[in-house]
Amino acid sequence: MPNTASRSRYFLDIEPELRNKVKALAALQGRTMREWLTEAIIAKLEDDIDAAEGLASLADTGGTMSLEAYLESRRGPKDVQG
């Protein structure tokens, strides 16, 4: 049995219709509401962390170049006519 001393309880006030949907879906999957909700919370947390990291990486401009510089590099060296 897991050590419950390191856990905390959180009471969630939700509409009865939503509670019934969660309970039914969890039961259909052979899980408890607590297991289903815990998994859903973890998935949401991971998604939010991934989104925040993605936005942070978009803000990092190190090692990038402007569009103009990129297009110039794609054209190659200019022909010098003389």
C-alpha atoms as a PDB file:
ATOM      1  CA  MET A   1       0.000   0.000   0.000  1.00  0.00           C
ATOM      2  CA  PRO A   2       1.400   3.455  -0.898  1.00  0.00           C
ATOM      3  CA  ASN A   3       2.523   5.745   1.881  1.00  0.00           C
ATOM      4  CA  THR A   4      -0.414   8.126   2.369  1.00  0.00           C
ATOM      5  CA  ALA A   5       1.529  10.376   4.740  1.00  0.00           C
ATOM      6  CA  SER A   6       3.235  12.053   1.765  1.00  0.00           C
ATOM      7  CA  ARG A   7      -0.052  12.667  -0.060  1.00  0.00           C
ATOM      8  CA  SER A   8      -2.475  15.500   0.330  1.00  0.00           C
ATOM      9  CA  ARG A   9      -6.177  15.490  -0.330  1.00  0.00           C
ATOM     10  CA  TYR A  10      -7.943  17.908  -2.575  1.00  0.00           C
ATOM     11  CA  PHE A  11     -11.696  18.198  -2.605  1.00  0.00           C
ATOM     12  CA  LEU A  12     -13.089  19.077  -5.994  1.00  0.00           C
ATOM     13  CA  ASP A  13     -16.504  20.648  -6.343  1.00  0.00           C
ATOM     14  CA  ILE A  14     -17.862  19.692  -9.767  1.00  0.00           C
ATOM     15  CA  GLU A  15     -21.292  19.451 -11.302  1.00  0.00           C
ATOM     16  CA  PRO A  16     -23.019  16.080 -10.773  1.00  0.00           C
ATOM     17  CA  GLU A  17     -23.353  15.545 -14.549  1.00  0.00           C
ATOM     18  CA  LEU A  18     -19.590  15.931 -15.074  1.00  0.00           C
ATOM     19  CA  ARG A  19     -18.851  13.708 -12.080  1.00  0.00           C
ATOM     20  CA  ASN A  20     -21.128  10.999 -13.489  1.00  0.00           C
ATOM     21  CA  LYS A  21     -19.419  11.180 -16.895  1.00  0.00           C
ATOM     22  CA  VAL A  22     -15.956  10.897 -15.361  1.00  0.00           C
ATOM     23  CA  LYS A  23     -17.015   8.059 -13.079  1.00  0.00           C
ATOM     24  CA  ALA A  24     -18.655   6.158 -15.955  1.00  0.00           C
ATOM     25  CA  LEU A  25     -15.692   6.599 -18.291  1.00  0.00           C
ATOM     26  CA  ALA A  26     -13.248   5.542 -15.602  1.00  0.00           C
ATOM     27  CA  ALA A  27     -15.354   2.472 -14.831  1.00  0.00           C
ATOM     28  CA  LEU A  28     -15.503   1.522 -18.507  1.00  0.00           C
ATOM     29  CA  GLN A  29     -11.709   1.622 -18.532  1.00  0.00           C
ATOM     30  CA  GLY A  30     -11.480  -0.446 -15.346  1.00  0.00           C
ATOM     31  CA  ARG A  31     -10.062   2.429 -13.311  1.00  0.00           C
ATOM     32  CA  THR A  32     -11.155   4.477 -10.348  1.00  0.00           C
ATOM     33  CA  MET A  33     -12.106   8.133 -10.629  1.00  0.00           C
ATOM     34  CA  ARG A  34      -8.969   9.009  -8.696  1.00  0.00           C
ATOM     35  CA  GLU A  35      -6.784   7.102 -11.181  1.00  0.00           C
ATOM     36  CA  TRP A  36      -8.567   8.655 -14.165  1.00  0.00           C
ATOM     37  CA  LEU A  37      -8.385  12.194 -12.770  1.00  0.00           C
ATOM     38  CA  THR A  38      -4.753  11.810 -11.752  1.00  0.00           C
ATOM     39  CA  GLU A  39      -3.844  10.671 -15.267  1.00  0.00           C
ATOM     40  CA  ALA A  40      -5.832  13.541 -16.803  1.00  0.00           C
ATOM     41  CA  ILE A  41      -4.137  16.100 -14.544  1.00  0.00           C
ATOM     42  CA  ILE A  42      -0.682  14.734 -15.378  1.00  0.00           C
ATOM     43  CA  ALA A  43      -1.450  14.803 -19.126  1.00  0.00           C
ATOM     44  CA  LYS A  44      -2.684  18.406 -18.910  1.00  0.00           C
ATOM     45  CA  LEU A  45       0.351  19.430 -16.875  1.00  0.00           C
ATOM     46  CA  GLU A  46       2.734  17.842 -19.388  1.00  0.00           C
ATOM     47  CA  ASP A  47       0.924  19.556 -22.289  1.00  0.00           C
ATOM     48  CA  ASP A  48       1.156  22.944 -20.583  1.00  0.00           C
ATOM     49  CA  ILE A  49       4.842  22.449 -19.798  1.00  0.00           C
ATOM     50  CA  ASP A  50       5.534  21.421 -23.415  1.00  0.00           C
ATOM     51  CA  ALA A  51       3.653  24.473 -24.704  1.00  0.00           C
ATOM     52  CA  ALA A  52       5.556  26.805 -22.379  1.00  0.00           C
ATOM     53  CA  GLU A  53       8.896  25.291 -23.422  1.00  0.00           C
ATOM     54  CA  GLY A  54       7.907  25.597 -27.091  1.00  0.00           C
ATOM     55  CA  LEU A  55       7.043  29.256 -26.687  1.00  0.00           C
ATOM     56  CA  ALA A  56      10.296  29.860 -24.833  1.00  0.00           C
ATOM     57  CA  SER A  57      12.265  28.231 -27.649  1.00  0.00           C
ATOM     58  CA  LEU A  58      10.525  30.474 -30.187  1.00  0.00           C
ATOM     59  CA  ALA A  59      11.687  33.503 -28.237  1.00  0.00           C
ATOM     60  CA  ASP A  60      15.307  32.292 -28.304  1.00  0.00           C
ATOM     61  CA  THR A  61      16.897  34.025 -31.287  1.00  0.00           C
ATOM     62  CA  GLY A  62      20.434  32.750 -30.707  1.00  0.00           C
ATOM     63  CA  GLY A  63      21.882  31.079 -33.810  1.00  0.00           C
ATOM     64  CA  THR A  64      19.225  32.485 -36.115  1.00  0.00           C
ATOM     65  CA  MET A  65      19.409  34.883 -39.033  1.00  0.00           C
ATOM     66  CA  SER A  66      17.057  37.393 -40.531  1.00  0.00           C
ATOM     67  CA  LEU A  67      14.899  36.479 -43.502  1.00  0.00           C
ATOM     68  CA  GLU A  68      16.897  38.857 -45.675  1.00  0.00           C
ATOM     69  CA  ALA A  69      20.192  37.210 -44.698  1.00  0.00           C
ATOM     70  CA  TYR A  70      18.736  33.761 -45.349  1.00  0.00           C
ATOM     71  CA  LEU A  71      17.430  34.724 -48.780  1.00  0.00           C
ATOM     72  CA  GLU A  72      20.786  36.304 -49.656  1.00  0.00           C
ATOM     73  CA  SER A  73      22.581  33.118 -48.620  1.00  0.00           C
ATOM     74  CA  ARG A  74      20.275  31.090 -50.898  1.00  0.00           C
ATOM     75  CA  ARG A  75      21.056  33.295 -53.907  1.00  0.00           C
ATOM     76  CA  GLY A  76      24.735  32.537 -53.641  1.00  0.00           C
ATOM     77  CA  PRO A  77      27.608  34.881 -54.384  1.00  0.00           C
ATOM     78  CA  LYS A  78      26.813  37.839 -56.604  1.00  0.00           C
ATOM     79  CA  ASP A  79      28.263  37.719 -60.050  1.00  0.00           C
ATOM     80  CA  VAL A  80      30.807  40.445 -60.528  1.00  0.00           C
ATOM     81  CA  GLN A  81      30.883  41.688 -64.116  1.00  0.00           C
ATOM     82  CA  GLY A  82      33.708  43.806 -65.155  1.00  0.00           C
END
